Amino acid sequence: MPHKRFLSPYTWPVLSFAVVIIIGALLLSLPASCRQGTGLSLIDACFLATSAVCVTGLTPVDISAVLSPFGKIVLLCLFQTGGLGVMTYTSLIFLLWRNHVPFNNREAVGQALLWGDFSLSAFLKQVLGLVLGIEVVTALALWCYDPVFFYPFSAVFHAVSAFCNAGFSLCSSNLAPFRNDVAVNVIVAVCVFLGGIGFGVLREFLGICTGGRLGAPVQQLSRFSRIVIKTSLLLILVGWGLMFCLEFFRPSMAQQVSSPWELAGVLLFHASAARTAGFATIDVAMLSQASLMVLMALMFIGGGPGSCAGGIKVVAFRVLAGYIASQLRGDRQIVLEGRGVPAENVARALTLFFLYSIAIALCLLLLNITESDIAGTHTGQGLSLSALLFEAVSALGTVGLSLNATPELSVTGKGILIFCMFAGRMGMLSLLMAVQSLQAKKAYSVAEAQLPIG
């Protein structure tokens, strides 16, 4: 019985991701993965592998200067694997070898990638077709537009990084050379958006576009997909509008951009990328503290369920917003898209919110200890509170934006962010259910008694 609990559908994805991270760290630590005269320490290799598999994008080194062509291929394979999910690949192998998948594996894939019941065989084929199709189209678009920077491998690397919401770039300044390039910004932002809305929503779009011959057999978007798309677009527009109002009147920002149109384009790109991916066309440390708070809020919320994005997810955010609105109005029910929200969904959203909030607070506390003179790793004051908070939210949200603090972290600090990235990619509720599955369930309950609240 303990053995079955340890290898339950809840723990299998966690173990799978951990194994891939270990293999990736070993491969990246090989001399062949680095250029001559450079190298990766074990902690940096583990950090980079975790960031890639968890599609985060944080890196302690300049991958364009440190990694060899072989190392870049390893990195590409890691975040492609992480984007699709280790369980997708594992189940696909089982499907090809046995022509069927055991129920436990099917259940685990369903919980990790989609909701409800489904045909695993059709699902895997459609997911792989959608993902590879979008990545190929994006790579071709980048290569055709700029074949010099986006040579074939570079185009594929950035296309996969965009769809998987990894945010890795082969340029040391990320996408800063393309800050004013509307075409590259649009191509990358659209690919990031598609990777961040979830496989289920993409399947419905495919079904509508093909008349039900491919994808989900639907004629219109479901309530779930409408919530994901509407909330995602609303968050991008609100985040963009807030940051534009905050930065437009800053004299220091006026010196960095040539016109309001350039500022609007830069901030729109970052409002889109901050929810899911770590691409940047400017050094985000240039932004005001208020704009950084907006970015952290977007990173905390994240993308759609069953997507490559992290965070608490837009559906949980919409449920929480509906819950607060219903409390203010005195309503007993939350109504979204014409249907009431079950109490179980509200409880899960509240649990998810508090788990992420507690995790960020705990991570921030530990980083303030390890990155200061308290632990003896820094002789001065160490990194600022805002920089550490930004790193913690970015790691837990698997976004990858940074205030250039990652390379300066101590070994212990990098270890803390490694755990945050892993927990953020797996999902706090998934980790909680994995831990609960290892415990024996109680056969009794204790009598309840009311407590004064508020």
Protein backbone atom coordinates (compact mmCIF):
# COMPACT_ATOMS: atom_id res chain seq x y z
CA MET A 1 0.00 0.00 0.00
CA PRO A 2 2.75 2.60 0.82
CA HIS A 3 4.46 1.73 -2.49
CA LYS A 4 1.23 2.32 -4.41
CA ARG A 5 0.70 5.65 -2.65
CA PHE A 6 4.27 6.74 -3.45
CA LEU A 7 3.74 6.00 -7.16
CA SER A 8 0.20 7.37 -7.29
CA PRO A 9 -1.08 9.54 -10.18
CA TYR A 10 -0.47 12.56 -7.96
CA THR A 11 3.22 11.85 -7.27
CA TRP A 12 4.16 10.52 -10.71
CA PRO A 13 4.35 13.96 -12.43
CA VAL A 14 6.47 15.31 -9.56
CA LEU A 15 8.91 12.41 -9.81
CA SER A 16 9.02 12.66 -13.61
CA PHE A 17 9.91 16.34 -13.57
CA ALA A 18 12.55 15.76 -10.90
CA VAL A 19 14.20 13.00 -12.95
CA VAL A 20 14.32 15.15 -16.10
CA ILE A 21 15.84 18.04 -14.11
CA ILE A 22 18.56 15.76 -12.73
CA ILE A 23 19.37 14.41 -16.21
CA GLY A 24 19.42 17.94 -17.62
CA ALA A 25 21.71 19.20 -14.86
CA LEU A 26 24.17 16.34 -15.51
CA LEU A 27 24.18 17.06 -19.25
CA LEU A 28 24.68 20.80 -18.78
CA SER A 29 27.55 20.22 -16.35
CA LEU A 30 29.48 18.27 -19.01
CA PRO A 31 32.47 20.07 -20.58
CA ALA A 32 30.86 19.57 -24.01
CA SER A 33 27.94 21.79 -22.95
CA CYS A 34 30.16 24.85 -22.42
CA ARG A 35 32.43 26.90 -24.61
CA GLN A 36 36.20 26.67 -24.18
CA GLY A 37 37.38 28.65 -21.19
CA THR A 38 33.96 28.60 -19.54
CA GLY A 39 32.08 26.17 -17.36
CA LEU A 40 29.03 25.66 -15.20
CA SER A 41 29.21 24.82 -11.53
CA LEU A 42 26.91 22.05 -10.31
CA ILE A 43 24.54 24.53 -8.64
CA ASP A 44 24.40 26.69 -11.80
CA ALA A 45 23.79 23.63 -13.99
CA CYS A 46 21.02 22.49 -11.64
CA PHE A 47 19.55 26.01 -11.58
CA LEU A 48 19.60 26.28 -15.37
CA ALA A 49 18.12 22.80 -15.84
CA THR A 50 15.33 23.54 -13.36
CA SER A 51 14.63 26.89 -15.02
CA ALA A 52 14.42 25.19 -18.43
CA VAL A 53 12.27 22.21 -17.41
CA CYS A 54 10.02 24.49 -15.37
CA VAL A 55 9.94 26.92 -18.36
CA THR A 56 10.94 29.86 -16.19
CA GLY A 57 13.80 31.62 -17.97
CA LEU A 58 15.85 32.75 -14.98
CA THR A 59 19.52 32.08 -15.53
CA PRO A 60 22.63 32.63 -13.41
CA VAL A 61 24.86 32.92 -16.52
CA ASP A 62 24.77 34.40 -20.00
CA ILE A 63 23.77 31.32 -21.98
CA SER A 64 24.84 32.92 -25.28
CA ALA A 65 28.40 33.30 -23.97
CA VAL A 66 28.71 30.20 -21.79
CA LEU A 67 26.83 27.38 -23.53
CA SER A 68 28.24 25.59 -26.55
CA PRO A 69 26.02 24.56 -29.48
CA PHE A 70 25.52 21.20 -27.75
CA GLY A 71 24.59 22.93 -24.50
CA LYS A 72 22.05 25.13 -26.29
CA ILE A 73 20.49 22.04 -27.89
CA VAL A 74 20.24 20.42 -24.44
CA LEU A 75 18.61 23.59 -23.09
CA LEU A 76 16.16 23.64 -26.02
CA CYS A 77 15.20 20.01 -25.40
CA LEU A 78 14.71 20.70 -21.69
CA PHE A 79 12.25 23.57 -22.04
CA GLN A 80 10.44 21.84 -24.89
CA THR A 81 10.02 18.84 -22.60
CA GLY A 82 8.92 21.03 -19.74
CA GLY A 83 6.47 22.96 -21.90
CA LEU A 84 4.64 19.91 -23.10
CA GLY A 85 4.98 18.16 -19.77
CA VAL A 86 6.94 15.04 -18.96
CA MET A 87 3.71 13.09 -18.59
CA THR A 88 2.76 13.87 -22.21
CA TYR A 89 5.96 12.34 -23.51
CA THR A 90 5.77 9.36 -21.16
CA SER A 91 2.17 8.59 -22.10
CA LEU A 92 2.98 8.99 -25.79
CA ILE A 93 5.72 6.35 -25.48
CA PHE A 94 3.29 4.02 -23.70
CA LEU A 95 0.74 4.68 -26.43
CA LEU A 96 3.16 3.81 -29.23
CA TRP A 97 4.51 0.73 -27.48
CA ARG A 98 1.33 -0.73 -26.07
CA ASN A 99 -1.43 1.03 -28.04
CA HIS A 100 -3.08 1.86 -24.73
CA VAL A 101 -2.33 3.76 -21.54
CA PRO A 102 -3.09 2.47 -18.02
CA PHE A 103 -5.81 4.36 -16.15
CA ASN A 104 -3.42 5.80 -13.56
CA ASN A 105 -1.25 7.44 -16.20
CA ARG A 106 -4.33 8.70 -18.04
CA GLU A 107 -5.64 10.25 -14.84
CA ALA A 108 -2.34 11.95 -14.11
CA VAL A 109 -2.11 13.45 -17.60
CA GLY A 110 -5.68 14.66 -17.34
CA GLN A 111 -5.02 16.43 -14.07
CA ALA A 112 -1.83 18.01 -15.37
CA LEU A 113 -3.01 19.15 -18.80
CA LEU A 114 -6.78 19.22 -19.06
CA TRP A 115 -9.97 18.92 -17.09
CA GLY A 116 -12.58 16.20 -17.18
CA ASP A 117 -12.49 12.96 -19.16
CA PHE A 118 -11.03 12.64 -22.64
CA SER A 119 -9.54 10.27 -25.19
CA LEU A 120 -5.83 10.16 -24.41
CA SER A 121 -4.81 8.92 -27.86
CA ALA A 122 -6.61 11.70 -29.72
CA PHE A 123 -5.55 14.24 -27.12
CA LEU A 124 -1.83 13.48 -27.42
CA LYS A 125 -1.89 13.57 -31.22
CA GLN A 126 -3.76 16.87 -31.25
CA VAL A 127 -1.52 18.43 -28.61
CA LEU A 128 1.65 17.43 -30.43
CA GLY A 129 0.19 18.60 -33.74
CA LEU A 130 -0.89 21.94 -32.29
CA VAL A 131 2.35 22.60 -30.46
CA LEU A 132 4.67 21.61 -33.28
CA GLY A 133 2.48 23.41 -35.82
CA ILE A 134 2.51 26.70 -33.89
CA GLU A 135 6.24 26.44 -33.22
CA VAL A 136 7.04 25.68 -36.88
CA VAL A 137 4.92 28.60 -38.13
CA THR A 138 6.54 30.94 -35.59
CA ALA A 139 10.06 29.76 -36.47
CA LEU A 140 9.39 30.23 -40.20
CA ALA A 141 8.00 33.71 -39.61
CA LEU A 142 11.06 34.76 -37.59
CA TRP A 143 13.48 33.20 -40.07
CA CYS A 144 11.82 34.80 -43.09
CA TYR A 145 11.73 38.19 -41.41
CA ASP A 146 15.34 38.26 -40.17
CA PRO A 147 17.41 35.33 -41.45
CA VAL A 148 20.61 36.86 -40.00
CA PHE A 149 19.77 36.83 -36.28
CA PHE A 150 17.02 34.23 -36.58
CA TYR A 151 19.04 31.68 -38.52
CA PRO A 152 17.36 28.23 -38.54
CA PHE A 153 18.49 27.07 -35.09
CA SER A 154 17.95 30.52 -33.55
CA ALA A 155 14.47 30.74 -35.08
CA VAL A 156 13.51 27.31 -33.72
CA PHE A 157 15.06 28.11 -30.33
CA HIS A 158 13.13 31.36 -29.91
CA ALA A 159 9.89 29.89 -31.30
CA VAL A 160 9.95 26.97 -28.86
CA SER A 161 11.02 29.29 -26.04
CA ALA A 162 8.10 31.62 -26.82
CA PHE A 163 5.39 28.97 -27.05
CA CYS A 164 6.65 27.11 -23.98
CA ASN A 165 6.77 30.46 -22.17
CA ALA A 166 10.41 29.84 -21.23
CA GLY A 167 11.76 33.29 -22.14
CA PHE A 168 15.28 32.09 -22.99
CA SER A 169 17.08 33.99 -25.73
CA LEU A 170 20.36 33.47 -27.56
CA CYS A 171 21.14 37.18 -27.19
CA SER A 172 22.83 38.38 -23.99
CA SER A 173 20.35 41.27 -23.76
CA ASN A 174 17.35 39.04 -24.50
CA LEU A 175 15.19 40.73 -27.19
CA ALA A 176 16.49 44.27 -26.58
CA PRO A 177 17.85 44.58 -30.17
CA PHE A 178 14.25 44.24 -31.37
CA ARG A 179 12.71 46.80 -29.01
CA ASN A 180 11.37 48.90 -31.88
CA ASP A 181 10.74 46.01 -34.25
CA VAL A 182 6.96 45.68 -34.41
CA ALA A 183 7.02 42.44 -36.42
CA VAL A 184 9.25 40.51 -34.01
CA ASN A 185 7.34 41.86 -31.01
CA VAL A 186 4.01 40.77 -32.50
CA ILE A 187 5.23 37.33 -33.57
CA VAL A 188 6.77 36.55 -30.17
CA ALA A 189 3.87 38.05 -28.17
CA VAL A 190 1.25 36.07 -30.12
CA CYS A 191 3.21 32.84 -29.70
CA VAL A 192 3.59 33.51 -25.96
CA PHE A 193 -0.14 34.20 -25.68
CA LEU A 194 -1.04 30.96 -27.46
CA GLY A 195 1.26 28.98 -25.19
CA GLY A 196 -0.24 30.65 -22.12
CA ILE A 197 -3.96 30.06 -22.72
CA GLY A 198 -3.83 26.28 -22.41
CA PHE A 199 -4.07 23.21 -24.59
CA GLY A 200 -7.81 22.87 -23.97
CA VAL A 201 -8.54 26.33 -25.37
CA LEU A 202 -6.30 25.69 -28.37
CA ARG A 203 -8.13 22.43 -29.09
CA GLU A 204 -11.44 24.26 -29.10
CA PHE A 205 -10.06 26.89 -31.49
CA LEU A 206 -8.81 24.11 -33.76
CA GLY A 207 -12.19 22.39 -33.62
CA ILE A 208 -14.03 25.59 -34.56
CA CYS A 209 -11.60 26.41 -37.40
CA THR A 210 -11.84 22.88 -38.89
CA GLY A 211 -15.56 22.37 -38.36
CA GLY A 212 -14.93 19.72 -35.70
CA ARG A 213 -12.74 17.52 -37.92
CA LEU A 214 -9.69 18.27 -35.75
CA GLY A 215 -9.39 19.35 -32.17
CA ALA A 216 -12.37 19.50 -29.86
CA PRO A 217 -15.74 18.73 -31.54
CA VAL A 218 -17.31 22.11 -30.69
CA GLN A 219 -18.96 24.88 -32.68
CA GLN A 220 -18.31 27.66 -30.18
CA LEU A 221 -15.95 28.33 -27.30
CA SER A 222 -16.91 26.79 -23.99
CA ARG A 223 -17.54 28.80 -20.84
CA PHE A 224 -14.07 27.84 -19.58
CA SER A 225 -12.35 29.08 -22.76
CA ARG A 226 -14.30 32.34 -22.76
CA ILE A 227 -13.24 33.00 -19.17
CA VAL A 228 -9.59 32.27 -19.97
CA ILE A 229 -9.45 34.45 -23.09
CA LYS A 230 -11.46 37.38 -21.73
CA THR A 231 -9.54 37.47 -18.44
CA SER A 232 -6.17 37.12 -20.19
CA LEU A 233 -6.87 40.00 -22.57
CA LEU A 234 -8.26 42.14 -19.74
CA LEU A 235 -5.15 41.59 -17.62
CA ILE A 236 -2.87 42.52 -20.53
CA LEU A 237 -4.80 45.70 -21.30
CA VAL A 238 -5.12 46.80 -17.67
CA GLY A 239 -1.46 46.05 -16.95
CA TRP A 240 -0.41 47.92 -20.08
CA GLY A 241 -2.59 50.92 -19.28
CA LEU A 242 -1.37 51.17 -15.68
CA MET A 243 2.31 50.93 -16.61
CA PHE A 244 1.92 53.45 -19.44
CA CYS A 245 0.29 55.98 -17.09
CA LEU A 246 3.03 55.39 -14.51
CA GLU A 247 5.98 55.63 -16.89
CA PHE A 248 4.71 58.34 -19.24
CA PHE A 249 5.36 61.13 -16.75
CA ARG A 250 8.71 59.85 -15.48
CA PRO A 251 11.58 62.10 -16.67
CA SER A 252 14.07 59.21 -16.44
CA MET A 253 11.94 57.02 -18.68
CA ALA A 254 11.53 59.85 -21.20
CA GLN A 255 15.32 59.74 -21.64
CA GLN A 256 15.23 56.02 -22.44
CA VAL A 257 12.57 56.05 -25.19
CA SER A 258 12.24 58.33 -28.18
CA SER A 259 8.46 58.74 -28.29
CA PRO A 260 5.23 57.83 -26.48
CA TRP A 261 4.53 55.30 -29.25
CA GLU A 262 7.78 53.49 -28.50
CA LEU A 263 6.96 53.50 -24.79
CA ALA A 264 3.47 52.13 -25.50
CA GLY A 265 4.88 49.32 -27.65
CA VAL A 266 7.54 48.35 -25.12
CA LEU A 267 5.09 48.26 -22.22
CA LEU A 268 2.46 46.35 -24.22
CA PHE A 269 5.04 43.67 -24.99
CA HIS A 270 6.05 43.41 -21.33
CA ALA A 271 2.44 43.34 -20.14
CA SER A 272 1.94 40.35 -22.46
CA ALA A 273 5.19 38.57 -21.55
CA ALA A 274 5.07 39.20 -17.79
CA ARG A 275 2.05 36.95 -17.30
CA THR A 276 3.78 33.89 -18.70
CA ALA A 277 7.24 34.33 -20.23
CA GLY A 278 10.46 36.13 -19.35
CA PHE A 279 11.18 37.85 -22.66
CA ALA A 280 12.24 41.48 -22.30
CA THR A 281 13.03 44.24 -24.77
CA ILE A 282 14.36 46.58 -22.06
CA ASP A 283 16.10 46.17 -18.74
CA VAL A 284 13.10 45.92 -16.42
CA ALA A 285 15.24 47.42 -13.64
CA MET A 286 14.70 50.74 -15.47
CA LEU A 287 11.00 50.68 -14.58
CA SER A 288 9.60 52.44 -11.53
CA GLN A 289 8.77 50.54 -8.37
CA ALA A 290 5.07 51.06 -9.11
CA SER A 291 5.41 49.46 -12.56
CA LEU A 292 7.35 46.58 -11.04
CA MET A 293 4.40 46.01 -8.69
CA VAL A 294 2.11 45.78 -11.72
CA LEU A 295 4.47 43.25 -13.32
CA MET A 296 4.57 41.21 -10.10
CA ALA A 297 0.77 41.16 -9.98
CA LEU A 298 0.66 39.87 -13.57
CA MET A 299 3.33 37.24 -12.77
CA PHE A 300 1.42 36.16 -9.67
CA ILE A 301 -1.77 35.57 -11.70
CA GLY A 302 -0.10 33.86 -14.66
CA GLY A 303 -1.87 32.20 -17.59
CA GLY A 304 -4.56 29.63 -18.29
CA PRO A 305 -4.95 26.22 -16.63
CA GLY A 306 -3.28 23.39 -18.51
CA SER A 307 -0.91 25.80 -20.25
CA CYS A 308 2.83 26.39 -20.22
CA ALA A 309 2.33 29.32 -17.85
CA GLY A 310 2.63 29.41 -14.08
CA GLY A 311 0.95 31.51 -11.39
CA ILE A 312 -2.39 30.92 -9.70
CA LYS A 313 -3.96 30.95 -13.21
CA VAL A 314 -6.54 33.31 -14.65
CA VAL A 315 -9.55 31.15 -13.78
CA ALA A 316 -8.63 31.16 -10.09
CA PHE A 317 -8.15 34.93 -10.29
CA ARG A 318 -11.55 35.37 -11.94
CA VAL A 319 -13.20 33.21 -9.26
CA LEU A 320 -11.50 35.22 -6.50
CA ALA A 321 -12.53 38.51 -8.10
CA GLY A 322 -16.09 37.20 -8.41
CA TYR A 323 -16.02 36.08 -4.78
CA ILE A 324 -14.97 39.53 -3.55
CA ALA A 325 -17.57 41.21 -5.78
CA SER A 326 -20.32 38.89 -4.50
CA GLN A 327 -19.33 39.64 -0.90
CA LEU A 328 -19.51 43.38 -1.54
CA ARG A 329 -22.93 43.01 -3.16
CA GLY A 330 -24.18 40.60 -0.52
CA ASP A 331 -24.87 37.87 -3.08
CA ARG A 332 -24.79 34.24 -2.02
CA GLN A 333 -23.56 32.97 -5.39
CA ILE A 334 -20.75 33.78 -7.79
CA VAL A 335 -21.91 33.92 -11.41
CA LEU A 336 -19.39 33.73 -14.26
CA GLU A 337 -20.45 33.58 -17.91
CA GLY A 338 -24.06 32.86 -16.99
CA ARG A 339 -23.37 29.96 -14.59
CA GLY A 340 -22.85 29.76 -10.85
CA VAL A 341 -19.48 28.75 -9.42
CA PRO A 342 -19.56 25.73 -7.05
CA ALA A 343 -18.32 26.24 -3.50
CA GLU A 344 -15.62 23.66 -4.14
CA ASN A 345 -14.10 25.86 -6.87
CA VAL A 346 -14.11 28.86 -4.55
CA ALA A 347 -12.37 26.85 -1.83
CA ARG A 348 -9.69 25.64 -4.26
CA ALA A 349 -9.10 29.18 -5.55
CA LEU A 350 -8.76 30.55 -2.00
CA THR A 351 -6.42 27.71 -1.06
CA LEU A 352 -4.30 28.33 -4.13
CA PHE A 353 -4.12 32.07 -3.41
CA PHE A 354 -3.01 31.56 0.17
CA LEU A 355 -0.52 28.82 -0.72
CA TYR A 356 1.18 31.04 -3.29
CA SER A 357 1.13 34.04 -0.95
CA ILE A 358 2.64 32.05 1.90
CA ALA A 359 5.25 30.53 -0.43
CA ILE A 360 6.30 33.97 -1.68
CA ALA A 361 6.48 35.37 1.86
CA LEU A 362 8.54 32.39 3.07
CA CYS A 363 10.85 32.57 0.05
CA LEU A 364 11.34 36.31 0.57
CA LEU A 365 12.18 35.77 4.24
CA LEU A 366 14.73 33.07 3.46
CA LEU A 367 16.32 35.13 0.66
CA ASN A 368 16.62 38.12 2.99
CA ILE A 369 18.50 35.87 5.40
CA THR A 370 20.78 34.19 2.86
CA GLU A 371 21.52 37.31 0.78
CA SER A 372 22.50 39.60 3.63
CA ASP A 373 25.13 39.87 6.35
CA ILE A 374 22.89 37.72 8.58
CA ALA A 375 24.17 34.58 6.87
CA GLY A 376 27.56 36.10 6.20
CA THR A 377 27.27 35.79 2.40
CA HIS A 378 27.33 39.57 1.85
CA THR A 379 29.43 42.09 3.72
CA GLY A 380 27.09 44.99 2.95
CA GLN A 381 23.33 45.28 2.92
CA GLY A 382 23.04 42.75 0.09
CA LEU A 383 20.29 42.83 -2.50
CA SER A 384 17.30 45.11 -1.98
CA LEU A 385 13.97 43.86 -0.69
CA SER A 386 12.21 44.76 -3.94
CA ALA A 387 14.79 42.89 -6.03
CA LEU A 388 14.47 39.75 -3.90
CA LEU A 389 10.65 39.96 -3.94
CA PHE A 390 10.68 40.33 -7.73
CA GLU A 391 12.95 37.28 -8.07
CA ALA A 392 10.74 35.23 -5.76
CA VAL A 393 7.51 36.09 -7.60
CA SER A 394 9.17 35.52 -10.98
CA ALA A 395 10.51 32.11 -9.91
CA LEU A 396 7.28 30.90 -8.33
CA GLY A 397 5.27 32.18 -11.28
CA THR A 398 7.77 30.52 -13.68
CA VAL A 399 8.03 33.79 -15.61
CA GLY A 400 11.76 34.52 -15.75
CA LEU A 401 11.88 38.32 -15.61
CA SER A 402 14.67 39.54 -13.36
CA LEU A 403 16.13 42.71 -11.89
CA ASN A 404 19.58 41.28 -12.67
CA ALA A 405 19.79 39.73 -9.21
CA THR A 406 19.96 36.03 -10.17
CA PRO A 407 23.72 35.89 -10.93
CA GLU A 408 24.46 37.63 -7.61
CA LEU A 409 22.61 35.10 -5.45
CA SER A 410 24.50 32.83 -3.10
CA VAL A 411 24.46 29.06 -3.51
CA THR A 412 21.74 28.83 -0.84
CA GLY A 413 19.73 31.59 -2.52
CA LYS A 414 19.88 29.77 -5.85
CA GLY A 415 18.71 26.61 -4.08
CA ILE A 416 15.70 28.49 -2.72
CA LEU A 417 14.75 29.72 -6.20
CA ILE A 418 15.23 26.20 -7.60
CA PHE A 419 12.57 24.94 -5.20
CA CYS A 420 10.31 27.91 -6.06
CA MET A 421 10.57 27.23 -9.79
CA PHE A 422 9.84 23.54 -9.28
CA ALA A 423 6.88 24.23 -7.00
CA GLY A 424 5.54 26.87 -9.38
CA ARG A 425 5.74 24.58 -12.41
CA MET A 426 4.11 21.64 -10.67
CA GLY A 427 1.46 23.88 -9.10
CA MET A 428 0.94 24.37 -5.39
CA LEU A 429 -2.34 22.42 -5.40
CA SER A 430 -0.71 19.53 -7.27
CA LEU A 431 2.10 19.39 -4.73
CA LEU A 432 -0.43 19.57 -1.91
CA MET A 433 -2.43 16.70 -3.40
CA ALA A 434 0.78 14.72 -3.90
CA VAL A 435 1.65 15.14 -0.22
CA GLN A 436 -1.92 14.29 0.82
CA SER A 437 -1.86 11.13 -1.30
CA LEU A 438 1.07 9.85 0.76
CA GLN A 439 -0.91 10.16 3.99
CA ALA A 440 -3.35 7.61 5.32
CA LYS A 441 -6.88 9.01 5.38
CA LYS A 442 -8.63 9.37 8.73
CA ALA A 443 -11.75 7.30 9.24
CA TYR A 444 -13.31 9.80 11.63
CA SER A 445 -14.14 13.50 12.01
CA VAL A 446 -14.23 15.74 15.07
CA ALA A 447 -17.36 17.57 16.22
CA GLU A 448 -17.55 21.14 14.91
CA ALA A 449 -18.05 24.34 16.93
CA GLN A 450 -18.55 27.92 15.73
CA LEU A 451 -15.82 30.56 16.21
CA PRO A 452 -16.19 34.37 16.08
CA ILE A 453 -14.54 35.64 12.88
CA GLY A 454 -13.75 39.28 12.11
